[in-house]
Structures are given as C-alpha cells and as structure tokens.
Amino acid sequence: IQLRKVQEQREQEAKKEPVGNDVATILSRRIAVEYSESDEDSELDENEWSD
C-alpha cells in the first residue's frame, strides 16, 4: 500500500509541474526574444539613416 501512495504522489507532482520550464526551453525563449529585439533595433537604425 505504501508503494502505491508514493507512486501516486510522484504522479501528482509530475502533473503539477508546468511543461516547458526546463533550462533548455527557457534559454531558447531568451535567445528568441533577444534575436527579435535585435532585429527591431536594426530596422529602426535603418529607418533613422534613410530620413
């Protein structure tokens, strides 16, 4: 009976953890955000020079 309780607790803990919060996912999100921000900055610089 105790083994079942432990197994059930582990399954519940696994369900509580949100998907996508591992280190690789977080880093890939950061890289994507930084890349998109650098693209926007370069577009603004091009527009400033063309005026």
C-alpha atoms as a PDB file:
ATOM      1  CA  ILE A   1       0.000   0.000   0.000  1.00  0.00           C
ATOM      2  CA  GLN A   2       2.809   2.431   0.788  1.00  0.00           C
ATOM      3  CA  LEU A   3       4.376   1.911  -2.599  1.00  0.00           C
ATOM      4  CA  ARG A   4       1.130   2.843  -4.271  1.00  0.00           C
ATOM      5  CA  LYS A   5       0.889   6.026  -2.211  1.00  0.00           C
ATOM      6  CA  VAL A   6       4.413   7.056  -3.141  1.00  0.00           C
ATOM      7  CA  GLN A   7       3.761   6.293  -6.787  1.00  0.00           C
ATOM      8  CA  GLU A   8       0.536   8.301  -6.694  1.00  0.00           C
ATOM      9  CA  GLN A   9       2.329  11.229  -5.046  1.00  0.00           C
ATOM     10  CA  ARG A  10       5.035  11.203  -7.717  1.00  0.00           C
ATOM     11  CA  GLU A  11       2.441  11.125 -10.469  1.00  0.00           C
ATOM     12  CA  GLN A  12       0.625  14.076  -8.923  1.00  0.00           C
ATOM     13  CA  GLU A  13       3.884  16.030  -8.577  1.00  0.00           C
ATOM     14  CA  ALA A  14       4.698  15.337 -12.210  1.00  0.00           C
ATOM     15  CA  LYS A  15       1.287  16.643 -13.248  1.00  0.00           C
ATOM     16  CA  LYS A  16       1.740  19.830 -11.201  1.00  0.00           C
ATOM     17  CA  GLU A  17       4.974  20.787 -12.973  1.00  0.00           C
ATOM     18  CA  PRO A  18       4.192  23.032 -15.926  1.00  0.00           C
ATOM     19  CA  VAL A  19       5.516  21.818 -19.240  1.00  0.00           C
ATOM     20  CA  GLY A  20       8.348  23.824 -20.771  1.00  0.00           C
ATOM     21  CA  ASN A  21      10.130  25.100 -17.686  1.00  0.00           C
ATOM     22  CA  ASP A  22      13.328  23.146 -18.140  1.00  0.00           C
ATOM     23  CA  VAL A  23      16.597  25.002 -18.665  1.00  0.00           C
ATOM     24  CA  ALA A  24      16.835  24.338 -22.400  1.00  0.00           C
ATOM     25  CA  THR A  25      13.350  25.714 -23.060  1.00  0.00           C
ATOM     26  CA  ILE A  26      13.955  28.849 -21.001  1.00  0.00           C
ATOM     27  CA  LEU A  27      17.261  29.533 -22.748  1.00  0.00           C
ATOM     28  CA  SER A  28      15.730  29.034 -26.180  1.00  0.00           C
ATOM     29  CA  ARG A  29      12.988  31.532 -25.290  1.00  0.00           C
ATOM     30  CA  ARG A  30      15.574  34.069 -24.125  1.00  0.00           C
ATOM     31  CA  ILE A  31      17.585  33.656 -27.313  1.00  0.00           C
ATOM     32  CA  ALA A  32      14.452  34.094 -29.425  1.00  0.00           C
ATOM     33  CA  VAL A  33      13.466  37.265 -27.555  1.00  0.00           C
ATOM     34  CA  GLU A  34      16.960  38.749 -27.813  1.00  0.00           C
ATOM     35  CA  TYR A  35      17.104  37.900 -31.516  1.00  0.00           C
ATOM     36  CA  SER A  36      13.727  39.518 -32.192  1.00  0.00           C
ATOM     37  CA  GLU A  37      14.720  42.638 -30.229  1.00  0.00           C
ATOM     38  CA  SER A  38      17.974  42.963 -32.183  1.00  0.00           C
ATOM     39  CA  ASP A  39      16.032  42.706 -35.459  1.00  0.00           C
ATOM     40  CA  GLU A  40      13.712  45.502 -34.382  1.00  0.00           C
ATOM     41  CA  ASP A  41      16.651  47.686 -33.354  1.00  0.00           C
ATOM     42  CA  SER A  42      18.386  47.223 -36.706  1.00  0.00           C
ATOM     43  CA  GLU A  43      15.205  48.147 -38.569  1.00  0.00           C
ATOM     44  CA  LEU A  44      14.897  51.335 -36.530  1.00  0.00           C
ATOM     45  CA  ASP A  45      18.507  52.230 -37.270  1.00  0.00           C
ATOM     46  CA  GLU A  46      17.932  51.747 -40.996  1.00  0.00           C
ATOM     47  CA  ASN A  47      14.871  53.984 -40.894  1.00  0.00           C
ATOM     48  CA  GLU A  48      16.744  56.680 -38.992  1.00  0.00           C
ATOM     49  CA  TRP A  49      19.508  56.781 -41.585  1.00  0.00           C
ATOM     50  CA  SER A  50      17.105  56.858 -44.519  1.00  0.00           C
ATOM     51  CA  ASP A  51      15.369  60.008 -43.222  1.00  0.00           C
END
